[in-house]
Amino acid sequence: QNKTSATVLKNKNIRGIMRDVDSDLSDDFMKSEIEQQFNWSDKIIVRRFVDKMKNKRPTVMITFPCEEDRMLAMEKGVFLVNSHYEVDAFKPKYSVTQCFNCHGFDHTRIWCPKKNKVCPVCSQAHELSDCLIASAGDISQYKCPNCIANRCHSALDHDVCPKYQEKLAHIQQLAQYEF
């Protein structure tokens, strides 16, 4: 890895997106064409999104070494094989997967290991709509099923649930190392 690529890797948050890009165009070809168009020399990283089956998606990520280069690409767009593509700022969306059956993390209701529904407010085996604690509204009685300490919140109070915040921080940390 050369020095310029290392600089780009340090600035992974300066990214742009091109949409509806022809799937026949390789990452190396797009990188070469974009760098030639802007008179850049080994300044960017180009990666196409792929699905779980490794099929090429029509969305391409460009990582820039600085904000000025991204702004230039966003202003002018990119020409590839007689087609013009707009470059938009990439704004990652971080989300935590939460089950609507047990309200645990990293799985969905379909893959939930628990057979019975868990109330997100009191941690008992019933629907939220049947919860007497929730209907009383006494937050001091709330018992998040994910937390052992500091339980005066529900599993749906994402702003105050430390377990949710921990999961979100982990996802954001992992996102820095994408591509």
N, C-alpha and C. Protein backbone atom coordinates (compact mmCIF):
# COMPACT_ATOMS: atom_id res chain seq x y z
N GLN A 1 0.85 -1.18 0.00
CA GLN A 1 0.00 0.00 0.00
C GLN A 1 0.89 1.24 0.00
N ASN A 2 0.63 2.14 -0.93
CA ASN A 2 1.48 3.33 -1.00
C ASN A 2 1.00 4.41 -0.04
N LYS A 3 1.80 5.51 0.03
CA LYS A 3 1.53 6.57 0.99
C LYS A 3 0.17 7.24 0.75
N THR A 4 -0.19 7.47 -0.54
CA THR A 4 -1.45 8.13 -0.85
C THR A 4 -2.64 7.28 -0.43
N SER A 5 -2.59 5.99 -0.70
CA SER A 5 -3.68 5.11 -0.28
C SER A 5 -3.82 5.10 1.24
N ALA A 6 -2.68 5.17 1.94
CA ALA A 6 -2.73 5.22 3.40
C ALA A 6 -3.41 6.50 3.87
N THR A 7 -3.17 7.62 3.18
CA THR A 7 -3.82 8.88 3.52
C THR A 7 -5.32 8.76 3.32
N VAL A 8 -5.75 8.16 2.22
CA VAL A 8 -7.18 7.98 1.95
C VAL A 8 -7.81 7.11 3.03
N LEU A 9 -7.12 6.06 3.45
CA LEU A 9 -7.67 5.18 4.47
C LEU A 9 -7.86 5.88 5.79
N LYS A 10 -7.03 6.86 6.11
CA LYS A 10 -7.19 7.62 7.35
C LYS A 10 -8.44 8.49 7.30
N ASN A 11 -8.88 8.86 6.10
CA ASN A 11 -10.01 9.78 5.93
C ASN A 11 -11.25 9.04 5.42
N LYS A 12 -11.57 7.91 6.00
CA LYS A 12 -12.67 7.09 5.50
C LYS A 12 -14.02 7.77 5.59
N ASN A 13 -14.13 8.84 6.36
CA ASN A 13 -15.41 9.53 6.47
C ASN A 13 -15.65 10.50 5.34
N ILE A 14 -14.67 10.72 4.49
CA ILE A 14 -14.84 11.62 3.35
C ILE A 14 -15.17 10.75 2.14
N ARG A 15 -16.44 10.41 2.03
CA ARG A 15 -16.85 9.47 1.00
C ARG A 15 -18.00 10.03 0.18
N GLY A 16 -18.08 9.55 -1.04
CA GLY A 16 -19.16 9.91 -1.92
C GLY A 16 -19.79 8.66 -2.51
N ILE A 17 -20.97 8.84 -3.07
CA ILE A 17 -21.74 7.72 -3.64
C ILE A 17 -22.15 8.07 -5.06
N MET A 18 -22.00 7.09 -5.96
CA MET A 18 -22.58 7.18 -7.31
C MET A 18 -23.61 6.07 -7.39
N ARG A 19 -24.77 6.38 -7.97
CA ARG A 19 -25.85 5.39 -8.07
C ARG A 19 -26.11 5.01 -9.53
N ASP A 20 -26.73 3.85 -9.70
CA ASP A 20 -27.13 3.34 -11.02
C ASP A 20 -25.95 3.22 -11.98
N VAL A 21 -24.81 2.76 -11.47
CA VAL A 21 -23.61 2.58 -12.28
C VAL A 21 -23.66 1.22 -12.96
N ASP A 22 -23.30 1.20 -14.24
CA ASP A 22 -23.29 -0.03 -15.04
C ASP A 22 -22.47 -1.10 -14.33
N SER A 23 -23.04 -2.29 -14.17
CA SER A 23 -22.39 -3.36 -13.43
C SER A 23 -21.18 -3.94 -14.16
N ASP A 24 -21.04 -3.64 -15.45
CA ASP A 24 -19.88 -4.13 -16.20
C ASP A 24 -18.60 -3.35 -15.91
N LEU A 25 -18.72 -2.19 -15.27
CA LEU A 25 -17.54 -1.37 -14.99
C LEU A 25 -16.85 -1.87 -13.72
N SER A 26 -15.55 -2.17 -13.84
CA SER A 26 -14.79 -2.66 -12.69
C SER A 26 -14.35 -1.50 -11.80
N ASP A 27 -14.03 -1.82 -10.56
CA ASP A 27 -13.54 -0.80 -9.62
C ASP A 27 -12.27 -0.14 -10.15
N ASP A 28 -11.35 -0.96 -10.67
CA ASP A 28 -10.08 -0.42 -11.19
C ASP A 28 -10.31 0.50 -12.38
N PHE A 29 -11.23 0.12 -13.28
CA PHE A 29 -11.53 0.97 -14.43
C PHE A 29 -12.12 2.30 -13.98
N MET A 30 -13.08 2.26 -13.06
CA MET A 30 -13.71 3.50 -12.59
C MET A 30 -12.69 4.39 -11.89
N LYS A 31 -11.84 3.80 -11.07
CA LYS A 31 -10.80 4.56 -10.37
C LYS A 31 -9.91 5.27 -11.38
N SER A 32 -9.46 4.53 -12.38
CA SER A 32 -8.57 5.10 -13.40
C SER A 32 -9.24 6.24 -14.15
N GLU A 33 -10.49 6.03 -14.56
CA GLU A 33 -11.22 7.05 -15.32
C GLU A 33 -11.49 8.31 -14.49
N ILE A 34 -11.87 8.12 -13.24
CA ILE A 34 -12.16 9.27 -12.38
C ILE A 34 -10.88 10.06 -12.11
N GLU A 35 -9.79 9.36 -11.81
CA GLU A 35 -8.52 10.05 -11.55
C GLU A 35 -8.02 10.78 -12.79
N GLN A 36 -8.23 10.19 -13.96
CA GLN A 36 -7.83 10.86 -15.21
C GLN A 36 -8.68 12.11 -15.44
N GLN A 37 -9.98 12.00 -15.19
CA GLN A 37 -10.89 13.12 -15.40
C GLN A 37 -10.52 14.33 -14.53
N PHE A 38 -10.08 14.06 -13.28
CA PHE A 38 -9.78 15.15 -12.36
C PHE A 38 -8.27 15.43 -12.22
N ASN A 39 -7.46 14.75 -13.03
CA ASN A 39 -6.00 14.89 -12.96
C ASN A 39 -5.47 14.54 -11.57
N TRP A 40 -6.03 13.49 -10.99
CA TRP A 40 -5.56 13.00 -9.70
C TRP A 40 -4.65 11.82 -9.96
N SER A 41 -3.71 11.60 -9.10
CA SER A 41 -2.82 10.46 -9.24
C SER A 41 -2.91 9.61 -7.98
N ASP A 42 -3.56 8.46 -8.10
CA ASP A 42 -3.70 7.50 -7.00
C ASP A 42 -4.20 8.16 -5.72
N LYS A 43 -5.28 8.95 -5.87
CA LYS A 43 -5.81 9.70 -4.73
C LYS A 43 -7.04 9.07 -4.09
N ILE A 44 -7.76 8.26 -4.82
CA ILE A 44 -9.06 7.80 -4.34
C ILE A 44 -9.11 6.28 -4.24
N ILE A 45 -10.11 5.81 -3.51
CA ILE A 45 -10.43 4.38 -3.47
C ILE A 45 -11.85 4.24 -4.00
N VAL A 46 -12.05 3.32 -4.91
CA VAL A 46 -13.37 3.08 -5.50
C VAL A 46 -13.79 1.65 -5.19
N ARG A 47 -14.96 1.49 -4.62
CA ARG A 47 -15.49 0.17 -4.29
C ARG A 47 -16.98 0.11 -4.63
N ARG A 48 -17.34 -0.94 -5.31
CA ARG A 48 -18.75 -1.17 -5.63
C ARG A 48 -19.39 -1.97 -4.49
N PHE A 49 -20.61 -1.64 -4.15
CA PHE A 49 -21.34 -2.42 -3.18
C PHE A 49 -21.69 -3.77 -3.79
N VAL A 50 -21.67 -4.80 -2.96
CA VAL A 50 -22.09 -6.13 -3.38
C VAL A 50 -23.11 -6.65 -2.38
N ASP A 51 -23.97 -7.54 -2.83
CA ASP A 51 -24.95 -8.11 -1.92
C ASP A 51 -24.36 -9.32 -1.20
N LYS A 52 -25.17 -10.01 -0.41
CA LYS A 52 -24.69 -11.14 0.38
C LYS A 52 -24.17 -12.28 -0.49
N MET A 53 -24.67 -12.35 -1.72
CA MET A 53 -24.24 -13.40 -2.64
C MET A 53 -23.06 -12.95 -3.52
N LYS A 54 -22.49 -11.79 -3.19
CA LYS A 54 -21.34 -11.19 -3.90
C LYS A 54 -21.69 -10.72 -5.30
N ASN A 55 -22.98 -10.49 -5.56
CA ASN A 55 -23.40 -9.92 -6.83
C ASN A 55 -23.18 -8.41 -6.79
N LYS A 56 -22.72 -7.85 -7.91
CA LYS A 56 -22.46 -6.42 -7.98
C LYS A 56 -23.76 -5.64 -7.87
N ARG A 57 -23.73 -4.57 -7.07
CA ARG A 57 -24.85 -3.65 -6.93
C ARG A 57 -24.56 -2.42 -7.80
N PRO A 58 -25.57 -1.63 -8.13
CA PRO A 58 -25.35 -0.46 -8.99
C PRO A 58 -24.83 0.77 -8.23
N THR A 59 -24.50 0.61 -6.95
CA THR A 59 -24.02 1.73 -6.14
C THR A 59 -22.52 1.61 -5.91
N VAL A 60 -21.81 2.72 -6.10
CA VAL A 60 -20.36 2.74 -5.98
C VAL A 60 -19.95 3.77 -4.93
N MET A 61 -19.04 3.38 -4.06
CA MET A 61 -18.50 4.26 -3.02
C MET A 61 -17.14 4.77 -3.47
N ILE A 62 -16.92 6.08 -3.31
CA ILE A 62 -15.62 6.68 -3.59
C ILE A 62 -15.12 7.28 -2.28
N THR A 63 -13.91 6.92 -1.88
CA THR A 63 -13.30 7.49 -0.68
C THR A 63 -12.24 8.48 -1.13
N PHE A 64 -12.35 9.70 -0.63
CA PHE A 64 -11.47 10.80 -1.03
C PHE A 64 -10.46 11.11 0.08
N PRO A 65 -9.29 11.66 -0.29
CA PRO A 65 -8.30 12.02 0.73
C PRO A 65 -8.65 13.32 1.46
N CYS A 66 -9.50 14.16 0.86
CA CYS A 66 -9.85 15.43 1.51
C CYS A 66 -11.23 15.89 1.04
N GLU A 67 -11.82 16.77 1.82
CA GLU A 67 -13.15 17.29 1.53
C GLU A 67 -13.18 18.07 0.22
N GLU A 68 -12.11 18.77 -0.11
CA GLU A 68 -12.07 19.57 -1.34
C GLU A 68 -12.24 18.70 -2.58
N ASP A 69 -11.59 17.51 -2.58
CA ASP A 69 -11.72 16.60 -3.73
C ASP A 69 -13.14 16.07 -3.84
N ARG A 70 -13.75 15.74 -2.70
CA ARG A 70 -15.13 15.26 -2.74
C ARG A 70 -16.06 16.35 -3.25
N MET A 71 -15.86 17.59 -2.79
CA MET A 71 -16.71 18.71 -3.24
C MET A 71 -16.57 18.93 -4.76
N LEU A 72 -15.36 18.80 -5.27
CA LEU A 72 -15.14 18.95 -6.71
C LEU A 72 -15.88 17.86 -7.48
N ALA A 73 -15.80 16.63 -7.03
CA ALA A 73 -16.50 15.52 -7.69
C ALA A 73 -18.01 15.71 -7.58
N MET A 74 -18.49 16.21 -6.45
CA MET A 74 -19.93 16.44 -6.29
C MET A 74 -20.40 17.58 -7.20
N GLU A 75 -19.57 18.58 -7.38
CA GLU A 75 -19.93 19.72 -8.22
C GLU A 75 -19.97 19.35 -9.70
N LYS A 76 -18.97 18.60 -10.16
CA LYS A 76 -18.86 18.29 -11.59
C LYS A 76 -19.50 16.97 -11.99
N GLY A 77 -19.59 16.04 -11.05
CA GLY A 77 -20.06 14.71 -11.41
C GLY A 77 -18.93 13.94 -12.06
N VAL A 78 -19.22 12.72 -12.47
CA VAL A 78 -18.21 11.84 -13.05
C VAL A 78 -18.73 11.31 -14.38
N PHE A 79 -17.85 11.29 -15.38
CA PHE A 79 -18.18 10.71 -16.68
C PHE A 79 -17.50 9.36 -16.81
N LEU A 80 -18.29 8.33 -17.08
CA LEU A 80 -17.77 6.98 -17.30
C LEU A 80 -18.45 6.40 -18.53
N VAL A 81 -17.70 6.07 -19.54
CA VAL A 81 -18.20 5.45 -20.77
C VAL A 81 -19.44 6.18 -21.28
N ASN A 82 -19.29 7.43 -21.58
CA ASN A 82 -20.35 8.27 -22.16
C ASN A 82 -21.57 8.46 -21.28
N SER A 83 -21.44 8.19 -20.01
CA SER A 83 -22.54 8.42 -19.08
C SER A 83 -22.07 9.35 -17.96
N HIS A 84 -22.96 10.23 -17.54
CA HIS A 84 -22.65 11.15 -16.45
C HIS A 84 -23.31 10.65 -15.17
N TYR A 85 -22.54 10.62 -14.10
CA TYR A 85 -23.04 10.17 -12.81
C TYR A 85 -22.86 11.28 -11.79
N GLU A 86 -23.91 11.55 -11.03
CA GLU A 86 -23.80 12.51 -9.93
C GLU A 86 -23.10 11.83 -8.77
N VAL A 87 -22.33 12.60 -8.04
CA VAL A 87 -21.68 12.12 -6.82
C VAL A 87 -22.34 12.84 -5.66
N ASP A 88 -22.88 12.06 -4.73
CA ASP A 88 -23.51 12.60 -3.54
C ASP A 88 -22.65 12.28 -2.33
N ALA A 89 -22.75 13.10 -1.30
CA ALA A 89 -22.05 12.81 -0.05
C ALA A 89 -22.62 11.53 0.54
N PHE A 90 -21.75 10.67 1.02
CA PHE A 90 -22.20 9.44 1.66
C PHE A 90 -22.48 9.73 3.12
N LYS A 91 -23.70 9.42 3.53
CA LYS A 91 -24.11 9.60 4.93
C LYS A 91 -24.52 8.24 5.47
N PRO A 92 -23.60 7.60 6.18
CA PRO A 92 -23.93 6.26 6.67
C PRO A 92 -25.07 6.28 7.68
N LYS A 93 -25.85 5.24 7.63
CA LYS A 93 -26.95 5.07 8.58
C LYS A 93 -26.56 3.92 9.49
N TYR A 94 -26.46 4.22 10.76
CA TYR A 94 -26.10 3.21 11.72
C TYR A 94 -27.37 2.75 12.42
N SER A 95 -27.57 1.47 12.45
CA SER A 95 -28.75 0.98 13.15
C SER A 95 -28.41 -0.30 13.90
N VAL A 96 -29.06 -0.46 14.99
CA VAL A 96 -28.90 -1.64 15.82
C VAL A 96 -30.06 -2.58 15.52
N THR A 97 -29.77 -3.83 15.29
CA THR A 97 -30.82 -4.82 15.06
C THR A 97 -31.39 -5.22 16.42
N GLN A 98 -32.69 -5.00 16.58
CA GLN A 98 -33.35 -5.34 17.85
C GLN A 98 -34.57 -6.21 17.57
N CYS A 99 -34.68 -7.27 18.31
CA CYS A 99 -35.79 -8.22 18.19
C CYS A 99 -37.07 -7.62 18.76
N PHE A 100 -38.19 -7.84 18.08
CA PHE A 100 -39.48 -7.36 18.59
C PHE A 100 -40.21 -8.44 19.38
N ASN A 101 -39.54 -9.55 19.62
CA ASN A 101 -40.11 -10.59 20.47
C ASN A 101 -39.53 -10.49 21.88
N CYS A 102 -38.19 -10.58 21.99
CA CYS A 102 -37.55 -10.53 23.31
C CYS A 102 -36.87 -9.19 23.59
N HIS A 103 -36.76 -8.36 22.56
CA HIS A 103 -36.14 -7.03 22.63
C HIS A 103 -34.64 -7.10 22.85
N GLY A 104 -34.05 -8.28 22.62
CA GLY A 104 -32.60 -8.43 22.64
C GLY A 104 -32.00 -7.88 21.34
N PHE A 105 -30.70 -7.98 21.22
CA PHE A 105 -30.01 -7.40 20.07
C PHE A 105 -29.38 -8.48 19.19
N ASP A 106 -29.03 -8.06 17.99
CA ASP A 106 -28.30 -8.88 17.01
C ASP A 106 -29.13 -10.02 16.41
N HIS A 107 -30.43 -9.95 16.53
CA HIS A 107 -31.30 -10.90 15.84
C HIS A 107 -32.69 -10.26 15.70
N THR A 108 -33.52 -10.87 14.86
CA THR A 108 -34.88 -10.39 14.66
C THR A 108 -35.86 -11.40 15.25
N ARG A 109 -37.12 -11.04 15.25
CA ARG A 109 -38.17 -11.89 15.81
C ARG A 109 -38.16 -13.29 15.18
N ILE A 110 -37.90 -13.35 13.89
CA ILE A 110 -37.91 -14.65 13.19
C ILE A 110 -36.85 -15.59 13.76
N TRP A 111 -35.70 -15.05 14.14
CA TRP A 111 -34.58 -15.86 14.64
C TRP A 111 -34.46 -15.81 16.16
N CYS A 112 -35.48 -15.35 16.84
CA CYS A 112 -35.41 -15.20 18.29
C CYS A 112 -35.31 -16.55 18.99
N PRO A 113 -34.35 -16.70 19.92
CA PRO A 113 -34.22 -17.97 20.64
C PRO A 113 -35.29 -18.16 21.71
N LYS A 114 -36.00 -17.10 22.06
CA LYS A 114 -37.03 -17.21 23.10
C LYS A 114 -38.39 -17.48 22.46
N LYS A 115 -39.13 -18.40 23.03
CA LYS A 115 -40.44 -18.75 22.49
C LYS A 115 -41.51 -17.76 22.90
N ASN A 116 -41.42 -17.26 24.12
CA ASN A 116 -42.45 -16.35 24.63
C ASN A 116 -42.05 -14.90 24.42
N LYS A 117 -43.05 -14.09 24.21
CA LYS A 117 -42.86 -12.64 24.07
C LYS A 117 -42.38 -12.07 25.40
N VAL A 118 -41.47 -11.08 25.33
CA VAL A 118 -40.97 -10.41 26.52
C VAL A 118 -41.40 -8.94 26.45
N CYS A 119 -41.97 -8.45 27.51
CA CYS A 119 -42.40 -7.06 27.57
C CYS A 119 -41.16 -6.16 27.64
N PRO A 120 -41.08 -5.13 26.81
CA PRO A 120 -39.91 -4.25 26.83
C PRO A 120 -39.88 -3.32 28.05
N VAL A 121 -40.98 -3.23 28.77
CA VAL A 121 -41.07 -2.32 29.92
C VAL A 121 -40.77 -3.04 31.24
N CYS A 122 -41.37 -4.20 31.46
CA CYS A 122 -41.21 -4.86 32.76
C CYS A 122 -40.45 -6.18 32.70
N SER A 123 -40.10 -6.63 31.51
CA SER A 123 -39.34 -7.87 31.29
C SER A 123 -40.13 -9.14 31.58
N GLN A 124 -41.44 -9.03 31.76
CA GLN A 124 -42.27 -10.21 32.00
C GLN A 124 -42.76 -10.78 30.66
N ALA A 125 -43.36 -11.98 30.72
CA ALA A 125 -43.80 -12.67 29.51
C ALA A 125 -45.22 -12.25 29.12
N HIS A 126 -45.36 -11.07 28.52
CA HIS A 126 -46.64 -10.61 27.99
C HIS A 126 -46.39 -9.49 26.98
N GLU A 127 -47.43 -9.13 26.25
CA GLU A 127 -47.35 -8.04 25.27
C GLU A 127 -47.25 -6.70 26.00
N LEU A 128 -46.65 -5.73 25.35
CA LEU A 128 -46.57 -4.38 25.90
C LEU A 128 -47.96 -3.82 26.17
N SER A 129 -48.90 -4.12 25.27
CA SER A 129 -50.26 -3.60 25.44
C SER A 129 -50.96 -4.14 26.69
N ASP A 130 -50.46 -5.27 27.22
CA ASP A 130 -51.03 -5.87 28.44
C ASP A 130 -50.26 -5.50 29.70
N CYS A 131 -49.27 -4.64 29.60
CA CYS A 131 -48.40 -4.33 30.73
C CYS A 131 -49.03 -3.29 31.66
N LEU A 132 -49.22 -3.67 32.93
CA LEU A 132 -49.79 -2.77 33.92
C LEU A 132 -48.80 -1.67 34.31
N ILE A 133 -47.52 -2.00 34.34
CA ILE A 133 -46.49 -1.01 34.68
C ILE A 133 -46.42 0.07 33.61
N ALA A 134 -46.49 -0.35 32.35
CA ALA A 134 -46.46 0.63 31.25
C ALA A 134 -47.68 1.53 31.29
N SER A 135 -48.84 0.95 31.56
CA SER A 135 -50.05 1.77 31.59
C SER A 135 -50.06 2.71 32.79
N ALA A 136 -49.39 2.32 33.90
CA ALA A 136 -49.29 3.21 35.07
C ALA A 136 -48.31 4.36 34.80
N GLY A 137 -47.33 4.11 33.93
CA GLY A 137 -46.38 5.16 33.56
C GLY A 137 -45.34 5.49 34.61
N ASP A 138 -45.14 4.62 35.59
CA ASP A 138 -44.16 4.86 36.64
C ASP A 138 -42.79 4.36 36.17
N ILE A 139 -41.98 5.27 35.64
CA ILE A 139 -40.68 4.91 35.06
C ILE A 139 -39.77 4.23 36.08
N SER A 140 -39.90 4.53 37.34
CA SER A 140 -39.05 3.92 38.36
C SER A 140 -39.27 2.40 38.45
N GLN A 141 -40.40 1.92 37.90
CA GLN A 141 -40.70 0.49 37.92
C GLN A 141 -40.29 -0.21 36.63
N TYR A 142 -39.80 0.53 35.64
CA TYR A 142 -39.40 -0.06 34.36
C TYR A 142 -38.18 -0.95 34.56
N LYS A 143 -38.18 -2.09 33.88
CA LYS A 143 -37.06 -3.03 33.96
C LYS A 143 -36.71 -3.49 32.55
N CYS A 144 -35.72 -2.85 31.99
CA CYS A 144 -35.25 -3.21 30.64
C CYS A 144 -34.75 -4.65 30.65
N PRO A 145 -35.22 -5.51 29.74
CA PRO A 145 -34.76 -6.90 29.73
C PRO A 145 -33.30 -7.06 29.33
N ASN A 146 -32.67 -6.01 28.81
CA ASN A 146 -31.27 -6.10 28.38
C ASN A 146 -30.29 -5.63 29.43
N CYS A 147 -30.75 -4.90 30.41
CA CYS A 147 -29.85 -4.28 31.39
C CYS A 147 -29.99 -4.95 32.75
N ILE A 148 -28.88 -5.08 33.44
CA ILE A 148 -28.91 -5.63 34.79
C ILE A 148 -28.94 -4.47 35.79
N ALA A 149 -28.07 -3.52 35.60
CA ALA A 149 -28.05 -2.32 36.45
C ALA A 149 -28.72 -1.17 35.70
N ASN A 150 -29.06 -0.12 36.40
CA ASN A 150 -29.65 1.08 35.77
C ASN A 150 -30.85 0.70 34.92
N ARG A 151 -31.81 0.04 35.51
CA ARG A 151 -32.93 -0.51 34.75
C ARG A 151 -34.18 0.36 34.72
N CYS A 152 -34.11 1.59 35.08
CA CYS A 152 -35.31 2.44 35.10
C CYS A 152 -35.61 3.01 33.73
N HIS A 153 -35.68 2.12 32.76
CA HIS A 153 -36.04 2.49 31.39
C HIS A 153 -36.55 1.22 30.70
N SER A 154 -37.19 1.42 29.56
CA SER A 154 -37.66 0.25 28.80
C SER A 154 -36.62 -0.10 27.73
N ALA A 155 -36.77 -1.25 27.13
CA ALA A 155 -35.87 -1.68 26.06
C ALA A 155 -36.04 -0.81 24.82
N LEU A 156 -37.11 -0.03 24.77
CA LEU A 156 -37.37 0.83 23.62
C LEU A 156 -36.87 2.26 23.83
N ASP A 157 -36.37 2.56 25.02
CA ASP A 157 -35.82 3.89 25.31
C ASP A 157 -34.35 3.93 24.88
N HIS A 158 -34.13 3.99 23.58
CA HIS A 158 -32.79 3.88 23.03
C HIS A 158 -31.84 4.98 23.48
N ASP A 159 -32.37 6.16 23.77
CA ASP A 159 -31.51 7.27 24.19
C ASP A 159 -30.89 7.04 25.57
N VAL A 160 -31.54 6.26 26.41
CA VAL A 160 -31.03 6.06 27.77
C VAL A 160 -30.58 4.63 28.06
N CYS A 161 -30.89 3.70 27.20
CA CYS A 161 -30.51 2.30 27.45
C CYS A 161 -29.01 2.12 27.19
N PRO A 162 -28.23 1.80 28.23
CA PRO A 162 -26.78 1.66 28.03
C PRO A 162 -26.41 0.50 27.11
N LYS A 163 -27.19 -0.55 27.12
CA LYS A 163 -26.89 -1.69 26.24
C LYS A 163 -27.11 -1.31 24.77
N TYR A 164 -28.17 -0.56 24.50
CA TYR A 164 -28.41 -0.09 23.13
C TYR A 164 -27.28 0.84 22.70
N GLN A 165 -26.91 1.78 23.56
CA GLN A 165 -25.84 2.72 23.24
C GLN A 165 -24.51 2.00 23.01
N GLU A 166 -24.27 0.96 23.76
CA GLU A 166 -23.06 0.15 23.59
C GLU A 166 -23.05 -0.52 22.22
N LYS A 167 -24.19 -1.10 21.84
CA LYS A 167 -24.30 -1.74 20.52
C LYS A 167 -24.12 -0.72 19.40
N LEU A 168 -24.74 0.45 19.53
CA LEU A 168 -24.64 1.50 18.52
C LEU A 168 -23.19 1.96 18.38
N ALA A 169 -22.50 2.17 19.49
CA ALA A 169 -21.09 2.60 19.45
C ALA A 169 -20.24 1.54 18.76
N HIS A 170 -20.53 0.28 19.01
CA HIS A 170 -19.78 -0.82 18.37
C HIS A 170 -19.99 -0.81 16.86
N ILE A 171 -21.22 -0.62 16.43
CA ILE A 171 -21.52 -0.57 14.99
C ILE A 171 -20.83 0.62 14.35
N GLN A 172 -20.85 1.77 15.00
CA GLN A 172 -20.18 2.95 14.45
C GLN A 172 -18.67 2.73 14.37
N GLN A 173 -18.11 2.04 15.35
CA GLN A 173 -16.67 1.75 15.31
C GLN A 173 -16.35 0.82 14.16
N LEU A 174 -17.17 -0.21 13.96
CA LEU A 174 -16.95 -1.13 12.84
C LEU A 174 -17.08 -0.43 11.50
N ALA A 175 -18.00 0.54 11.41
CA ALA A 175 -18.23 1.25 10.15
C ALA A 175 -17.01 2.02 9.69
N GLN A 176 -16.13 2.37 10.59
CA GLN A 176 -14.90 3.08 10.22
C GLN A 176 -13.99 2.19 9.38
N TYR A 177 -14.17 0.87 9.47
CA TYR A 177 -13.28 -0.06 8.79
C TYR A 177 -13.95 -0.72 7.59
N GLU A 178 -15.05 -0.17 7.11
CA GLU A 178 -15.72 -0.71 5.93
C GLU A 178 -14.79 -0.61 4.75
N PHE A 179 -14.97 -1.49 3.83
CA PHE A 179 -14.23 -1.52 2.57
C PHE A 179 -12.77 -1.65 2.86
